[in-house]
All heavy atoms as atom14 arrays in JSON, in Angstrom:
{
  "sequence": "NLDVAISQGNLAAARADILAADHAPLPVLSAEAQSIDLKNGVGQGNA",
  "atom14_mask": [
    [1, 1, 1, 1, 1, 1, 1, 1, 0, 0, 0, 0, 0, 0],
    [1, 1, 1, 1, 1, 1, 1, 1, 0, 0, 0, 0, 0, 0],
    [1, 1, 1, 1, 1, 1, 1, 1, 0, 0, 0, 0, 0, 0],
    [1, 1, 1, 1, 1, 1, 1, 0, 0, 0, 0, 0, 0, 0],
    [1, 1, 1, 1, 1, 0, 0, 0, 0, 0, 0, 0, 0, 0],
    [1, 1, 1, 1, 1, 1, 1, 1, 0, 0, 0, 0, 0, 0],
    [1, 1, 1, 1, 1, 1, 0, 0, 0, 0, 0, 0, 0, 0],
    [1, 1, 1, 1, 1, 1, 1, 1, 1, 0, 0, 0, 0, 0],
    [1, 1, 1, 1, 0, 0, 0, 0, 0, 0, 0, 0, 0, 0],
    [1, 1, 1, 1, 1, 1, 1, 1, 0, 0, 0, 0, 0, 0],
    [1, 1, 1, 1, 1, 1, 1, 1, 0, 0, 0, 0, 0, 0],
    [1, 1, 1, 1, 1, 0, 0, 0, 0, 0, 0, 0, 0, 0],
    [1, 1, 1, 1, 1, 0, 0, 0, 0, 0, 0, 0, 0, 0],
    [1, 1, 1, 1, 1, 0, 0, 0, 0, 0, 0, 0, 0, 0],
    [1, 1, 1, 1, 1, 1, 1, 1, 1, 1, 1, 0, 0, 0],
    [1, 1, 1, 1, 1, 0, 0, 0, 0, 0, 0, 0, 0, 0],
    [1, 1, 1, 1, 1, 1, 1, 1, 0, 0, 0, 0, 0, 0],
    [1, 1, 1, 1, 1, 1, 1, 1, 0, 0, 0, 0, 0, 0],
    [1, 1, 1, 1, 1, 1, 1, 1, 0, 0, 0, 0, 0, 0],
    [1, 1, 1, 1, 1, 0, 0, 0, 0, 0, 0, 0, 0, 0],
    [1, 1, 1, 1, 1, 0, 0, 0, 0, 0, 0, 0, 0, 0],
    [1, 1, 1, 1, 1, 1, 1, 1, 0, 0, 0, 0, 0, 0],
    [1, 1, 1, 1, 1, 1, 1, 1, 1, 1, 0, 0, 0, 0],
    [1, 1, 1, 1, 1, 0, 0, 0, 0, 0, 0, 0, 0, 0],
    [1, 1, 1, 1, 1, 1, 1, 0, 0, 0, 0, 0, 0, 0],
    [1, 1, 1, 1, 1, 1, 1, 1, 0, 0, 0, 0, 0, 0],
    [1, 1, 1, 1, 1, 1, 1, 0, 0, 0, 0, 0, 0, 0],
    [1, 1, 1, 1, 1, 1, 1, 0, 0, 0, 0, 0, 0, 0],
    [1, 1, 1, 1, 1, 1, 1, 1, 0, 0, 0, 0, 0, 0],
    [1, 1, 1, 1, 1, 1, 0, 0, 0, 0, 0, 0, 0, 0],
    [1, 1, 1, 1, 1, 0, 0, 0, 0, 0, 0, 0, 0, 0],
    [1, 1, 1, 1, 1, 1, 1, 1, 1, 0, 0, 0, 0, 0],
    [1, 1, 1, 1, 1, 0, 0, 0, 0, 0, 0, 0, 0, 0],
    [1, 1, 1, 1, 1, 1, 1, 1, 1, 0, 0, 0, 0, 0],
    [1, 1, 1, 1, 1, 1, 0, 0, 0, 0, 0, 0, 0, 0],
    [1, 1, 1, 1, 1, 1, 1, 1, 0, 0, 0, 0, 0, 0],
    [1, 1, 1, 1, 1, 1, 1, 1, 0, 0, 0, 0, 0, 0],
    [1, 1, 1, 1, 1, 1, 1, 1, 0, 0, 0, 0, 0, 0],
    [1, 1, 1, 1, 1, 1, 1, 1, 1, 0, 0, 0, 0, 0],
    [1, 1, 1, 1, 1, 1, 1, 1, 0, 0, 0, 0, 0, 0],
    [1, 1, 1, 1, 0, 0, 0, 0, 0, 0, 0, 0, 0, 0],
    [1, 1, 1, 1, 1, 1, 1, 0, 0, 0, 0, 0, 0, 0],
    [1, 1, 1, 1, 0, 0, 0, 0, 0, 0, 0, 0, 0, 0],
    [1, 1, 1, 1, 1, 1, 1, 1, 1, 0, 0, 0, 0, 0],
    [1, 1, 1, 1, 0, 0, 0, 0, 0, 0, 0, 0, 0, 0],
    [1, 1, 1, 1, 1, 1, 1, 1, 0, 0, 0, 0, 0, 0],
    [1, 1, 1, 1, 1, 0, 0, 0, 0, 0, 0, 0, 0, 0]
  ],
  "atom14_positions": [
    [[-17.06, 23.42, 25.43], [-18.14, 22.47, 25.65], [-18.09, 21.35, 24.6], [-17.17, 21.26, 23.79], [-19.49, 23.19, 25.65], [-19.84, 23.79, 24.3], [-19.18, 23.54, 23.3], [-20.88, 24.58, 24.26], [0.0, 0.0, 0.0], [0.0, 0.0, 0.0], [0.0, 0.0, 0.0], [0.0, 0.0, 0.0], [0.0, 0.0, 0.0], [0.0, 0.0, 0.0]],
    [[-19.1, 20.5, 24.62], [-19.08, 19.33, 23.75], [-19.18, 19.69, 22.27], [-18.59, 19.02, 21.43], [-20.24, 18.4, 24.14], [-20.09, 17.71, 25.51], [-21.33, 16.89, 25.83], [-18.86, 16.82, 25.53], [0.0, 0.0, 0.0], [0.0, 0.0, 0.0], [0.0, 0.0, 0.0], [0.0, 0.0, 0.0], [0.0, 0.0, 0.0], [0.0, 0.0, 0.0]],
    [[-19.91, 20.75, 21.94], [-19.97, 21.16, 20.54], [-18.59, 21.58, 20.04], [-18.21, 21.26, 18.9], [-20.96, 22.32, 20.39], [-22.4, 21.88, 20.6], [-22.69, 20.71, 20.35], [-23.22, 22.72, 21.02], [0.0, 0.0, 0.0], [0.0, 0.0, 0.0], [0.0, 0.0, 0.0], [0.0, 0.0, 0.0], [0.0, 0.0, 0.0], [0.0, 0.0, 0.0]],
    [[-17.85, 22.29, 20.86], [-16.5, 22.69, 20.49], [-15.61, 21.46, 20.37], [-14.78, 21.36, 19.45], [-15.93, 23.69, 21.52], [-14.49, 24.04, 21.19], [-16.77, 24.96, 21.56], [0.0, 0.0, 0.0], [0.0, 0.0, 0.0], [0.0, 0.0, 0.0], [0.0, 0.0, 0.0], [0.0, 0.0, 0.0], [0.0, 0.0, 0.0], [0.0, 0.0, 0.0]],
    [[-15.77, 20.49, 21.28], [-14.97, 19.27, 21.21], [-15.24, 18.5, 19.91], [-14.31, 17.95, 19.31], [-15.28, 18.38, 22.42], [0.0, 0.0, 0.0], [0.0, 0.0, 0.0], [0.0, 0.0, 0.0], [0.0, 0.0, 0.0], [0.0, 0.0, 0.0], [0.0, 0.0, 0.0], [0.0, 0.0, 0.0], [0.0, 0.0, 0.0], [0.0, 0.0, 0.0]],
    [[-16.49, 18.48, 19.48], [-16.82, 17.8, 18.21], [-16.14, 18.5, 17.05], [-15.57, 17.86, 16.15], [-18.35, 17.76, 18.02], [-18.98, 16.85, 19.08], [-18.7, 17.28, 16.62], [-20.49, 16.88, 19.1], [0.0, 0.0, 0.0], [0.0, 0.0, 0.0], [0.0, 0.0, 0.0], [0.0, 0.0, 0.0], [0.0, 0.0, 0.0], [0.0, 0.0, 0.0]],
    [[-16.18, 19.83, 17.03], [-15.52, 20.56, 15.94], [-14.01, 20.39, 15.99], [-13.35, 20.37, 14.95], [-15.88, 22.05, 16.01], [-15.37, 22.64, 17.2], [0.0, 0.0, 0.0], [0.0, 0.0, 0.0], [0.0, 0.0, 0.0], [0.0, 0.0, 0.0], [0.0, 0.0, 0.0], [0.0, 0.0, 0.0], [0.0, 0.0, 0.0], [0.0, 0.0, 0.0]],
    [[-13.44, 20.24, 17.18], [-12.01, 19.99, 17.28], [-11.66, 18.61, 16.72], [-10.54, 18.42, 16.2], [-11.57, 20.11, 18.74], [-11.54, 21.54, 19.24], [-11.25, 21.63, 20.72], [-11.52, 20.7, 21.49], [-10.73, 22.76, 21.17], [0.0, 0.0, 0.0], [0.0, 0.0, 0.0], [0.0, 0.0, 0.0], [0.0, 0.0, 0.0], [0.0, 0.0, 0.0]],
    [[-12.59, 17.66, 16.82], [-12.36, 16.37, 16.17], [-12.28, 16.51, 14.66], [-11.45, 15.85, 14.01], [0.0, 0.0, 0.0], [0.0, 0.0, 0.0], [0.0, 0.0, 0.0], [0.0, 0.0, 0.0], [0.0, 0.0, 0.0], [0.0, 0.0, 0.0], [0.0, 0.0, 0.0], [0.0, 0.0, 0.0], [0.0, 0.0, 0.0], [0.0, 0.0, 0.0]],
    [[-13.13, 17.36, 14.08], [-13.04, 17.62, 12.64], [-11.7, 18.26, 12.27], [-11.12, 17.97, 11.22], [-14.19, 18.53, 12.2], [-15.54, 17.87, 12.36], [-15.66, 16.64, 12.29], [-16.58, 18.66, 12.57], [0.0, 0.0, 0.0], [0.0, 0.0, 0.0], [0.0, 0.0, 0.0], [0.0, 0.0, 0.0], [0.0, 0.0, 0.0], [0.0, 0.0, 0.0]],
    [[-11.2, 19.14, 13.15], [-9.89, 19.76, 12.9], [-8.78, 18.72, 12.93], [-7.87, 18.75, 12.09], [-9.65, 20.86, 13.94], [-8.26, 21.51, 13.92], [-7.98, 22.15, 12.57], [-8.13, 22.53, 15.03], [0.0, 0.0, 0.0], [0.0, 0.0, 0.0], [0.0, 0.0, 0.0], [0.0, 0.0, 0.0], [0.0, 0.0, 0.0], [0.0, 0.0, 0.0]],
    [[-8.83, 17.81, 13.9], [-7.81, 16.76, 13.96], [-7.84, 15.89, 12.71], [-6.78, 15.5, 12.18], [-8.03, 15.91, 15.22], [0.0, 0.0, 0.0], [0.0, 0.0, 0.0], [0.0, 0.0, 0.0], [0.0, 0.0, 0.0], [0.0, 0.0, 0.0], [0.0, 0.0, 0.0], [0.0, 0.0, 0.0], [0.0, 0.0, 0.0], [0.0, 0.0, 0.0]],
    [[-9.04, 15.59, 12.21], [-9.15, 14.8, 10.98], [-8.58, 15.56, 9.79], [-7.91, 14.98, 8.92], [-10.61, 14.43, 10.73], [0.0, 0.0, 0.0], [0.0, 0.0, 0.0], [0.0, 0.0, 0.0], [0.0, 0.0, 0.0], [0.0, 0.0, 0.0], [0.0, 0.0, 0.0], [0.0, 0.0, 0.0], [0.0, 0.0, 0.0], [0.0, 0.0, 0.0]],
    [[-8.83, 16.88, 9.72], [-8.31, 17.68, 8.62], [-6.79, 17.75, 8.66], [-6.12, 17.74, 7.62], [-8.91, 19.09, 8.68], [0.0, 0.0, 0.0], [0.0, 0.0, 0.0], [0.0, 0.0, 0.0], [0.0, 0.0, 0.0], [0.0, 0.0, 0.0], [0.0, 0.0, 0.0], [0.0, 0.0, 0.0], [0.0, 0.0, 0.0], [0.0, 0.0, 0.0]],
    [[-6.22, 17.83, 9.87], [-4.76, 17.83, 9.96], [-4.17, 16.49, 9.55], [-3.07, 16.42, 8.99], [-4.35, 18.18, 11.39], [-4.58, 19.65, 11.73], [-4.34, 19.93, 13.19], [-4.45, 21.37, 13.47], [-4.51, 21.89, 14.69], [-4.46, 21.08, 15.76], [-4.61, 23.19, 14.86], [0.0, 0.0, 0.0], [0.0, 0.0, 0.0], [0.0, 0.0, 0.0]],
    [[-4.89, 15.42, 9.84], [-4.43, 14.11, 9.39], [-4.47, 14.01, 7.87], [-3.63, 13.32, 7.26], [-5.29, 13.01, 10.02], [0.0, 0.0, 0.0], [0.0, 0.0, 0.0], [0.0, 0.0, 0.0], [0.0, 0.0, 0.0], [0.0, 0.0, 0.0], [0.0, 0.0, 0.0], [0.0, 0.0, 0.0], [0.0, 0.0, 0.0], [0.0, 0.0, 0.0]],
    [[-5.41, 14.69, 7.24], [-5.47, 14.7, 5.77], [-4.22, 15.33, 5.17], [-3.82, 14.98, 4.05], [-6.71, 15.45, 5.3], [-7.99, 14.67, 5.57], [-7.91, 13.44, 5.76], [-9.07, 15.31, 5.61], [0.0, 0.0, 0.0], [0.0, 0.0, 0.0], [0.0, 0.0, 0.0], [0.0, 0.0, 0.0], [0.0, 0.0, 0.0], [0.0, 0.0, 0.0]],
    [[-3.6, 16.26, 5.88], [-2.37, 16.86, 5.37], [-1.27, 15.8, 5.28], [-0.54, 15.72, 4.28], [-1.92, 18.01, 6.29], [-2.98, 19.11, 6.32], [-0.59, 18.59, 5.82], [-2.66, 20.25, 7.27], [0.0, 0.0, 0.0], [0.0, 0.0, 0.0], [0.0, 0.0, 0.0], [0.0, 0.0, 0.0], [0.0, 0.0, 0.0], [0.0, 0.0, 0.0]],
    [[-1.16, 14.97, 6.31], [-0.16, 13.9, 6.29], [-0.44, 12.91, 5.15], [0.48, 12.39, 4.51], [-0.15, 13.16, 7.63], [0.23, 14.0, 8.86], [0.13, 13.16, 10.12], [1.62, 14.6, 8.71], [0.0, 0.0, 0.0], [0.0, 0.0, 0.0], [0.0, 0.0, 0.0], [0.0, 0.0, 0.0], [0.0, 0.0, 0.0], [0.0, 0.0, 0.0]],
    [[-1.73, 12.65, 4.92], [-2.09, 11.72, 3.84], [-1.76, 12.3, 2.47], [-1.44, 11.55, 1.53], [-3.57, 11.37, 3.93], [0.0, 0.0, 0.0], [0.0, 0.0, 0.0], [0.0, 0.0, 0.0], [0.0, 0.0, 0.0], [0.0, 0.0, 0.0], [0.0, 0.0, 0.0], [0.0, 0.0, 0.0], [0.0, 0.0, 0.0], [0.0, 0.0, 0.0]],
    [[-1.85, 13.62, 2.35], [-1.62, 14.24, 1.04], [-0.14, 14.5, 0.76], [0.3, 14.43, -0.39], [-2.39, 15.56, 0.96], [0.0, 0.0, 0.0], [0.0, 0.0, 0.0], [0.0, 0.0, 0.0], [0.0, 0.0, 0.0], [0.0, 0.0, 0.0], [0.0, 0.0, 0.0], [0.0, 0.0, 0.0], [0.0, 0.0, 0.0], [0.0, 0.0, 0.0]],
    [[0.63, 14.78, 1.8], [2.0, 15.24, 1.61], [2.98, 14.06, 1.6], [3.83, 13.9, 2.48], [2.38, 16.23, 2.72], [3.72, 16.91, 2.44], [4.19, 16.84, 1.28], [4.29, 17.48, 3.38], [0.0, 0.0, 0.0], [0.0, 0.0, 0.0], [0.0, 0.0, 0.0], [0.0, 0.0, 0.0], [0.0, 0.0, 0.0], [0.0, 0.0, 0.0]],
    [[2.83, 13.2, 0.63], [3.82, 12.13, 0.43], [3.79, 11.71, -1.03], [2.77, 11.82, -1.72], [3.56, 10.92, 1.34], [2.33, 10.15, 0.99], [2.31, 9.18, 0.01], [1.07, 10.2, 1.48], [1.1, 8.67, -0.09], [0.32, 9.28, 0.8], [0.0, 0.0, 0.0], [0.0, 0.0, 0.0], [0.0, 0.0, 0.0], [0.0, 0.0, 0.0]],
    [[4.93, 11.23, -1.5], [5.03, 10.75, -2.87], [4.38, 9.38, -2.98], [4.19, 8.68, -1.96], [6.49, 10.69, -3.28], [0.0, 0.0, 0.0], [0.0, 0.0, 0.0], [0.0, 0.0, 0.0], [0.0, 0.0, 0.0], [0.0, 0.0, 0.0], [0.0, 0.0, 0.0], [0.0, 0.0, 0.0], [0.0, 0.0, 0.0], [0.0, 0.0, 0.0]],
    [[4.02, 8.96, -4.18], [3.47, 7.6, -4.35], [4.45, 6.55, -3.85], [5.67, 6.68, -4.02], [3.26, 7.49, -5.86], [3.11, 8.9, -6.33], [3.99, 9.72, -5.45], [0.0, 0.0, 0.0], [0.0, 0.0, 0.0], [0.0, 0.0, 0.0], [0.0, 0.0, 0.0], [0.0, 0.0, 0.0], [0.0, 0.0, 0.0], [0.0, 0.0, 0.0]],
    [[3.93, 5.56, -3.19], [4.79, 4.52, -2.63], [5.36, 3.63, -3.72], [4.69, 3.34, -4.73], [3.97, 3.68, -1.63], [3.41, 4.42, -0.42], [2.54, 3.49, 0.41], [4.53, 5.0, 0.42], [0.0, 0.0, 0.0], [0.0, 0.0, 0.0], [0.0, 0.0, 0.0], [0.0, 0.0, 0.0], [0.0, 0.0, 0.0], [0.0, 0.0, 0.0]],
    [[6.61, 3.21, -3.54], [7.18, 2.28, -4.53], [6.47, 0.92, -4.46], [5.92, 0.53, -3.43], [8.65, 2.15, -4.1], [8.66, 2.52, -2.66], [7.56, 3.53, -2.48], [0.0, 0.0, 0.0], [0.0, 0.0, 0.0], [0.0, 0.0, 0.0], [0.0, 0.0, 0.0], [0.0, 0.0, 0.0], [0.0, 0.0, 0.0], [0.0, 0.0, 0.0]],
    [[6.51, 0.2, -5.56], [5.83, -1.08, -5.69], [6.86, -2.17, -5.94], [7.64, -2.09, -6.9], [4.79, -1.05, -6.82], [4.11, -2.41, -6.97], [3.75, 0.03, -6.56], [0.0, 0.0, 0.0], [0.0, 0.0, 0.0], [0.0, 0.0, 0.0], [0.0, 0.0, 0.0], [0.0, 0.0, 0.0], [0.0, 0.0, 0.0], [0.0, 0.0, 0.0]],
    [[6.89, -3.14, -5.07], [7.77, -4.3, -5.23], [6.98, -5.42, -5.88], [5.88, -5.75, -5.44], [8.3, -4.75, -3.86], [9.21, -5.98, -3.86], [10.51, -5.69, -4.6], [9.47, -6.45, -2.43], [0.0, 0.0, 0.0], [0.0, 0.0, 0.0], [0.0, 0.0, 0.0], [0.0, 0.0, 0.0], [0.0, 0.0, 0.0], [0.0, 0.0, 0.0]],
    [[7.55, -6.0, -6.94], [6.84, -7.06, -7.67], [7.75, -8.26, -7.87], [8.98, -8.13, -7.94], [6.35, -6.54, -9.02], [7.44, -6.12, -9.83], [0.0, 0.0, 0.0], [0.0, 0.0, 0.0], [0.0, 0.0, 0.0], [0.0, 0.0, 0.0], [0.0, 0.0, 0.0], [0.0, 0.0, 0.0], [0.0, 0.0, 0.0], [0.0, 0.0, 0.0]],
    [[7.15, -9.42, -7.94], [7.87, -10.67, -8.24], [7.1, -11.4, -9.33], [5.87, -11.37, -9.37], [7.99, -11.53, -6.99], [0.0, 0.0, 0.0], [0.0, 0.0, 0.0], [0.0, 0.0, 0.0], [0.0, 0.0, 0.0], [0.0, 0.0, 0.0], [0.0, 0.0, 0.0], [0.0, 0.0, 0.0], [0.0, 0.0, 0.0], [0.0, 0.0, 0.0]],
    [[7.85, -12.07, -10.22], [7.21, -12.69, -11.38], [7.91, -14.01, -11.71], [9.14, -14.11, -11.58], [7.3, -11.73, -12.57], [6.64, -12.22, -13.82], [6.77, -11.22, -14.97], [7.5, -10.22, -14.8], [6.17, -11.46, -16.04], [0.0, 0.0, 0.0], [0.0, 0.0, 0.0], [0.0, 0.0, 0.0], [0.0, 0.0, 0.0], [0.0, 0.0, 0.0]],
    [[7.14, -14.98, -12.07], [7.67, -16.26, -12.56], [7.01, -16.55, -13.89], [5.78, -16.6, -13.98], [7.42, -17.37, -11.57], [0.0, 0.0, 0.0], [0.0, 0.0, 0.0], [0.0, 0.0, 0.0], [0.0, 0.0, 0.0], [0.0, 0.0, 0.0], [0.0, 0.0, 0.0], [0.0, 0.0, 0.0], [0.0, 0.0, 0.0], [0.0, 0.0, 0.0]],
    [[7.81, -16.8, -14.97], [7.25, -17.02, -16.3], [8.09, -18.04, -17.06], [9.09, -18.55, -16.56], [7.19, -15.7, -17.07], [8.52, -15.02, -17.26], [8.38, -13.71, -18.01], [7.35, -13.42, -18.59], [9.45, -12.91, -18.02], [0.0, 0.0, 0.0], [0.0, 0.0, 0.0], [0.0, 0.0, 0.0], [0.0, 0.0, 0.0], [0.0, 0.0, 0.0]],
    [[7.66, -18.32, -18.28], [8.34, -19.3, -19.15], [8.41, -20.68, -18.47], [9.43, -21.37, -18.5], [9.75, -18.82, -19.53], [9.69, -17.6, -20.24], [0.0, 0.0, 0.0], [0.0, 0.0, 0.0], [0.0, 0.0, 0.0], [0.0, 0.0, 0.0], [0.0, 0.0, 0.0], [0.0, 0.0, 0.0], [0.0, 0.0, 0.0], [0.0, 0.0, 0.0]],
    [[7.32, -21.05, -17.82], [7.26, -22.36, -17.17], [6.79, -23.37, -18.23], [5.66, -23.28, -18.72], [6.31, -22.32, -15.97], [6.78, -21.27, -14.95], [6.2, -23.69, -15.32], [5.83, -21.08, -13.8], [0.0, 0.0, 0.0], [0.0, 0.0, 0.0], [0.0, 0.0, 0.0], [0.0, 0.0, 0.0], [0.0, 0.0, 0.0], [0.0, 0.0, 0.0]],
    [[7.64, -24.32, -18.61], [7.36, -25.27, -19.66], [6.58, -26.45, -19.09], [7.15, -27.33, -18.43], [8.68, -25.76, -20.29], [8.46, -26.54, -21.58], [7.3, -26.97, -21.81], [9.42, -26.74, -22.33], [0.0, 0.0, 0.0], [0.0, 0.0, 0.0], [0.0, 0.0, 0.0], [0.0, 0.0, 0.0], [0.0, 0.0, 0.0], [0.0, 0.0, 0.0]],
    [[5.29, -26.46, -19.33], [4.45, -27.54, -18.81], [4.55, -28.8, -19.66], [4.25, -29.9, -19.19], [2.99, -27.07, -18.74], [2.71, -25.87, -17.83], [1.24, -25.51, -17.89], [3.13, -26.19, -16.4], [0.0, 0.0, 0.0], [0.0, 0.0, 0.0], [0.0, 0.0, 0.0], [0.0, 0.0, 0.0], [0.0, 0.0, 0.0], [0.0, 0.0, 0.0]],
    [[5.02, -28.72, -20.91], [5.11, -29.89, -21.79], [6.38, -30.69, -21.54], [6.35, -31.91, -21.39], [5.07, -29.43, -23.25], [5.18, -30.57, -24.24], [5.09, -30.05, -25.67], [5.23, -31.23, -26.67], [5.18, -30.74, -28.07], [0.0, 0.0, 0.0], [0.0, 0.0, 0.0], [0.0, 0.0, 0.0], [0.0, 0.0, 0.0], [0.0, 0.0, 0.0]],
    [[7.53, -30.01, -21.47], [8.81, -30.69, -21.32], [9.32, -30.67, -19.88], [10.33, -31.31, -19.57], [9.87, -30.05, -22.23], [9.45, -30.13, -23.69], [9.04, -31.19, -24.18], [9.53, -29.0, -24.39], [0.0, 0.0, 0.0], [0.0, 0.0, 0.0], [0.0, 0.0, 0.0], [0.0, 0.0, 0.0], [0.0, 0.0, 0.0], [0.0, 0.0, 0.0]],
    [[8.65, -29.95, -19.02], [9.08, -29.89, -17.64], [10.12, -28.8, -17.42], [10.68, -28.22, -18.37], [0.0, 0.0, 0.0], [0.0, 0.0, 0.0], [0.0, 0.0, 0.0], [0.0, 0.0, 0.0], [0.0, 0.0, 0.0], [0.0, 0.0, 0.0], [0.0, 0.0, 0.0], [0.0, 0.0, 0.0], [0.0, 0.0, 0.0], [0.0, 0.0, 0.0]],
    [[10.4, -28.56, -16.18], [11.33, -27.48, -15.82], [12.65, -28.02, -15.28], [13.51, -27.24, -14.85], [10.68, -26.53, -14.8], [9.5, -25.81, -15.41], [10.27, -27.29, -13.54], [0.0, 0.0, 0.0], [0.0, 0.0, 0.0], [0.0, 0.0, 0.0], [0.0, 0.0, 0.0], [0.0, 0.0, 0.0], [0.0, 0.0, 0.0], [0.0, 0.0, 0.0]],
    [[12.82, -29.29, -15.29], [14.09, -29.86, -14.86], [14.13, -30.13, -13.37], [13.16, -29.93, -12.63], [0.0, 0.0, 0.0], [0.0, 0.0, 0.0], [0.0, 0.0, 0.0], [0.0, 0.0, 0.0], [0.0, 0.0, 0.0], [0.0, 0.0, 0.0], [0.0, 0.0, 0.0], [0.0, 0.0, 0.0], [0.0, 0.0, 0.0], [0.0, 0.0, 0.0]],
    [[15.31, -30.67, -12.97], [15.51, -31.06, -11.59], [16.2, -29.94, -10.81], [16.7, -28.99, -11.38], [16.37, -32.34, -11.54], [15.79, -33.51, -12.3], [14.49, -33.99, -11.72], [14.31, -33.99, -10.5], [13.55, -34.4, -12.59], [0.0, 0.0, 0.0], [0.0, 0.0, 0.0], [0.0, 0.0, 0.0], [0.0, 0.0, 0.0], [0.0, 0.0, 0.0]],
    [[16.26, -30.13, -9.49], [17.03, -29.21, -8.65], [16.15, -28.23, -7.89], [14.93, -28.33, -7.85], [0.0, 0.0, 0.0], [0.0, 0.0, 0.0], [0.0, 0.0, 0.0], [0.0, 0.0, 0.0], [0.0, 0.0, 0.0], [0.0, 0.0, 0.0], [0.0, 0.0, 0.0], [0.0, 0.0, 0.0], [0.0, 0.0, 0.0], [0.0, 0.0, 0.0]],
    [[16.85, -27.28, -7.28], [16.19, -26.26, -6.48], [15.33, -25.37, -7.36], [15.76, -24.95, -8.43], [17.25, -25.44, -5.73], [16.63, -24.44, -4.8], [16.29, -23.35, -5.24], [16.51, -24.81, -3.54], [0.0, 0.0, 0.0], [0.0, 0.0, 0.0], [0.0, 0.0, 0.0], [0.0, 0.0, 0.0], [0.0, 0.0, 0.0], [0.0, 0.0, 0.0]],
    [[14.12, -25.04, -6.86], [13.17, -24.27, -7.67], [13.68, -22.86, -7.94], [13.47, -22.32, -9.03], [11.81, -24.2, -6.99], [0.0, 0.0, 0.0], [0.0, 0.0, 0.0], [0.0, 0.0, 0.0], [0.0, 0.0, 0.0], [0.0, 0.0, 0.0], [0.0, 0.0, 0.0], [0.0, 0.0, 0.0], [0.0, 0.0, 0.0], [0.0, 0.0, 0.0]]
  ]
}
């Protein structure tokens, strides 16, 4: 019945929590731009 269907929804959510827990931390890709000389400029050419 509907009460059982509602509890089965909780079971499906709990099984999804297993997938959320069973993985390593994701790698992080980063990009950085530094040492930008605002006084003398950065020169000509391709950035």
